[in-house]
Protein backbone atom coordinates (compact mmCIF):
# COMPACT_ATOMS: atom_id res chain seq x y z
CA MET A 1 0.05 0.20 0.14
CA ALA A 2 1.22 3.70 -0.59
CA LYS A 3 2.01 5.92 2.02
CA MET A 4 -0.52 9.04 2.17
CA PRO A 5 1.37 11.80 3.18
CA PHE A 6 0.87 13.07 6.47
CA ALA A 7 -0.96 16.34 5.53
CA LEU A 8 -2.86 14.92 2.78
CA LEU A 9 -4.30 12.17 5.06
CA THR A 10 -4.97 14.71 7.92
CA LEU A 11 -6.81 17.25 5.62
CA GLY A 12 -9.23 13.99 3.92
CA LEU A 13 -9.82 13.17 7.85
CA MET A 14 -10.30 17.15 8.94
CA LEU A 15 -12.60 17.60 5.74
CA GLY A 16 -14.14 14.96 4.73
CA PRO A 17 -13.91 13.99 0.76
CA ALA A 18 -16.43 15.83 -0.56
CA THR A 19 -14.89 19.51 0.88
CA THR A 20 -11.43 17.96 -0.80
CA ALA A 21 -12.98 17.21 -4.07
CA ALA A 22 -14.79 20.45 -3.98
CA HIS A 23 -11.58 22.55 -3.50
CA SER A 24 -9.69 20.54 -5.70
CA GLN A 25 -12.87 21.42 -8.41
CA ALA A 26 -12.19 24.74 -7.95
CA THR A 27 -8.78 25.30 -7.91
CA ALA A 28 -8.05 23.04 -10.92
CA THR A 29 -10.54 25.40 -13.10
CA ALA A 30 -9.43 28.64 -11.72
CA PRO A 31 -5.91 30.68 -12.43
CA PRO A 32 -3.22 29.69 -10.09
CA SER A 33 -3.69 31.87 -7.37
CA ALA A 34 -1.23 32.21 -3.99
CA GLU A 35 -4.09 30.37 -1.88
CA GLY A 36 -3.44 27.53 -5.01
CA GLU A 37 -0.15 27.53 -4.68
CA LEU A 38 0.03 27.09 -0.74
CA PHE A 39 -2.31 24.37 -0.82
CA ARG A 40 -0.13 22.70 -3.24
CA LEU A 41 2.98 23.03 -1.48
CA SER A 42 1.63 21.83 1.80
CA PHE A 43 0.88 18.53 -0.27
CA ASP A 44 3.82 17.88 -2.42
CA HIS A 45 6.83 18.38 -0.69
CA ALA A 46 8.47 17.62 2.17
CA PHE A 47 10.07 19.78 4.70
CA ASN A 48 13.57 20.51 3.69
CA PRO A 49 15.24 23.81 3.63
CA ALA A 50 14.69 24.62 0.19
CA ASN A 51 11.33 23.89 0.47
CA ARG A 52 10.99 25.40 3.81
CA VAL A 53 12.50 28.55 2.63
CA GLU A 54 9.88 28.60 -0.51
CA LEU A 55 6.65 27.69 2.29
CA ALA A 56 8.09 31.29 3.67
CA ARG A 57 7.77 32.78 0.57
CA ARG A 58 4.29 31.36 -0.61
CA PHE A 59 2.98 32.03 2.59
CA GLU A 60 4.26 36.34 2.31
CA ALA A 61 2.46 35.72 -1.23
CA TYR A 62 -0.82 34.43 0.31
CA CYS A 63 -1.29 36.98 2.96
CA ARG A 64 -0.76 39.83 0.48
CA GLU A 65 -3.32 38.21 -1.90
CA VAL A 66 -5.58 38.06 0.85
CA LEU A 67 -5.00 41.18 2.33
CA ASP A 68 -5.11 43.15 -1.01
CA THR A 69 -8.60 41.43 -1.20
CA VAL A 70 -10.31 42.32 1.98
CA PRO A 71 -12.13 45.75 2.13
CA THR A 72 -10.78 48.80 4.12
CA ASN A 73 -12.10 51.55 6.34
CA THR A 74 -12.23 55.05 5.99
CA PRO A 75 -10.25 56.68 8.39
CA ALA A 76 -13.54 57.71 10.00
CA GLU A 77 -14.30 53.94 10.34
CA ASP A 78 -10.97 52.93 11.98
CA ALA A 79 -11.53 55.78 14.57
CA TRP A 80 -14.36 54.42 15.94
CA VAL A 81 -13.24 51.15 15.92
CA THR A 82 -10.43 52.42 18.06
CA ALA A 83 -12.64 54.37 20.42
CA GLU A 84 -15.40 51.11 20.47
CA SER A 85 -12.95 49.10 21.09
CA LYS A 86 -11.55 50.83 24.30
CA THR A 87 -14.74 50.82 26.08
CA SER A 88 -15.87 48.60 29.17
CA ASP A 89 -19.40 48.67 28.26
CA ILE A 90 -20.37 44.81 27.32
CA LYS A 91 -23.38 46.42 25.00
CA ARG A 92 -20.88 48.84 23.07
CA ILE A 93 -18.44 45.47 22.54
CA ASN A 94 -20.85 42.92 21.16
CA ARG A 95 -22.54 45.79 18.94
CA LEU A 96 -18.96 47.01 17.53
CA VAL A 97 -17.57 43.07 17.17
CA SER A 98 -20.80 42.12 14.93
CA THR A 99 -20.09 44.73 12.14
CA LYS A 100 -18.21 45.17 9.31
CA GLU A 101 -15.85 47.68 10.09
CA TRP A 102 -14.62 45.18 13.23
CA ALA A 103 -14.73 42.52 11.13
CA ARG A 104 -12.75 44.83 8.15
CA HIS A 105 -10.01 45.52 11.02
CA ARG A 106 -9.72 41.93 12.30
CA LEU A 107 -8.54 41.06 8.73
CA LYS A 108 -6.52 43.33 8.07
CA GLU A 109 -5.01 43.58 11.21
CA THR A 110 -3.97 39.74 11.29
CA PHE A 111 -3.06 39.21 7.55
CA SER A 112 -1.19 42.59 7.83
CA GLU A 113 0.69 40.14 11.16
CA CYS A 114 1.47 37.68 8.76
CA LEU A 115 3.24 39.76 6.09
CA GLN A 116 5.42 41.37 9.27
CA LYS A 117 6.36 37.63 10.73
CA VAL A 118 7.18 36.06 7.06
CA PRO A 119 10.37 38.27 7.23
CA LEU A 120 11.41 36.76 10.70
CA LEU A 121 10.78 33.94 9.40
CA GLN A 122 13.03 34.26 6.38
CA LYS A 123 15.75 36.13 8.39
CA ALA A 124 16.22 32.94 10.17
CA GLN A 125 15.90 31.00 7.60
CA VAL A 126 18.86 32.60 5.71
CA ASN A 127 20.96 32.61 8.86
CA ASN A 128 20.30 28.95 9.61
CA ALA A 129 18.91 29.78 12.74
CA ARG A 130 17.35 25.95 13.25
CA SER A 131 15.64 27.16 16.27
CA ALA A 132 14.34 30.32 15.50
CA GLU A 133 13.13 28.92 12.58
CA ALA A 134 10.99 26.36 14.26
CA VAL A 135 9.46 29.77 16.63
CA GLN A 136 8.77 31.83 13.52
CA PHE A 137 7.04 29.06 11.94
CA ILE A 138 5.31 28.66 15.20
CA SER A 139 4.56 32.20 16.14
CA LEU A 140 3.13 32.41 12.11
CA ALA A 141 0.39 29.87 12.75
CA TYR A 142 -0.51 31.16 15.65
CA SER A 143 -1.51 33.94 13.81
CA PHE A 144 -4.20 32.11 12.32
CA ASN A 145 -5.59 30.77 15.68
CA GLN A 146 -8.88 32.36 15.01
CA VAL A 147 -9.58 30.51 11.97
CA ALA A 148 -13.59 30.05 13.02
CA ASP A 149 -13.61 34.07 14.10
CA LEU A 150 -11.67 34.66 10.60
CA ALA A 151 -14.06 32.89 8.20
CA VAL A 152 -17.11 34.70 10.18
CA PHE A 153 -15.31 38.16 9.34
CA ALA A 154 -14.86 36.94 5.89
CA LYS A 155 -18.59 36.04 4.98
CA ARG A 156 -19.52 38.96 7.18
CA VAL A 157 -17.56 41.55 4.22
CA ASP A 158 -18.17 39.45 1.35
CA LEU A 159 -14.80 38.30 0.46
CA LYS A 160 -14.93 35.93 -2.17
CA SER A 161 -12.11 33.71 -0.36
CA GLU A 162 -13.18 31.13 1.97
CA LEU A 163 -10.59 30.87 4.56
CA ALA A 164 -11.82 29.13 7.40
CA VAL A 165 -10.26 25.48 4.94
CA PRO A 166 -6.98 26.68 3.99
CA LEU A 167 -6.33 28.31 6.90
CA ASN A 168 -6.76 24.90 9.20
CA LEU A 169 -4.60 23.24 7.22
CA PHE A 170 -1.74 26.19 6.07
CA ARG A 171 -1.98 26.68 10.29
CA GLN A 172 -1.28 22.53 10.28
CA THR A 173 1.28 22.67 8.09
CA LEU A 174 3.57 25.27 9.46
CA MET A 175 3.55 23.43 12.61
CA ILE A 176 4.86 20.32 10.85
CA ALA A 177 7.31 22.83 9.05
CA ALA A 178 8.32 23.54 12.58
CA MET A 179 8.70 19.74 13.47
CA ARG A 180 10.39 19.02 10.92
CA THR A 181 12.85 22.17 11.06
CA LEU A 182 13.40 20.85 14.82
CA ASP A 183 14.08 17.55 13.94
CA GLY A 184 15.76 17.76 10.53
CA LEU A 185 13.70 13.94 9.06
CA ASP A 186 13.39 15.71 5.54
CA ASP A 187 17.22 17.40 5.17
CA LYS A 188 18.38 14.07 4.17
């Protein structure tokens, strides 16, 4: 029996055959996107040093692609979000987090954070600092810990991309990359 790549096996168990088939069909007909390229890399390669460098590059492209598609708050909307987020009034906070303005703010914040973390990862890779590289992979994965919220925010602002499915996989891929960076199993 052929050995199935760990990420592919996990994705199949996590999402089921209907979701993976739908994603395959959608990515087969669409022109290559940063998400599609990152999705393919998550399955197709070992986590050797060269592929980890490529993973960082593709994460940067993916985060930039998503960030470019997220609608932007006006300066007045940003000021309102900032002011409202400083309150301790639960009713105001509940109203805030249910708005499109908050959704745009959180999406922009999350994917901007990703773009700030990738250069730190790349620097660790250039310096061949394996422990620092693993830490940066974990830090990047941590940026996407609120996948369910990000998916709700994407829907609230009518983003065409379904964030929950790829981000769950991408977060897992980052964690595996961190482990493989430390254990060096894919370096041989």
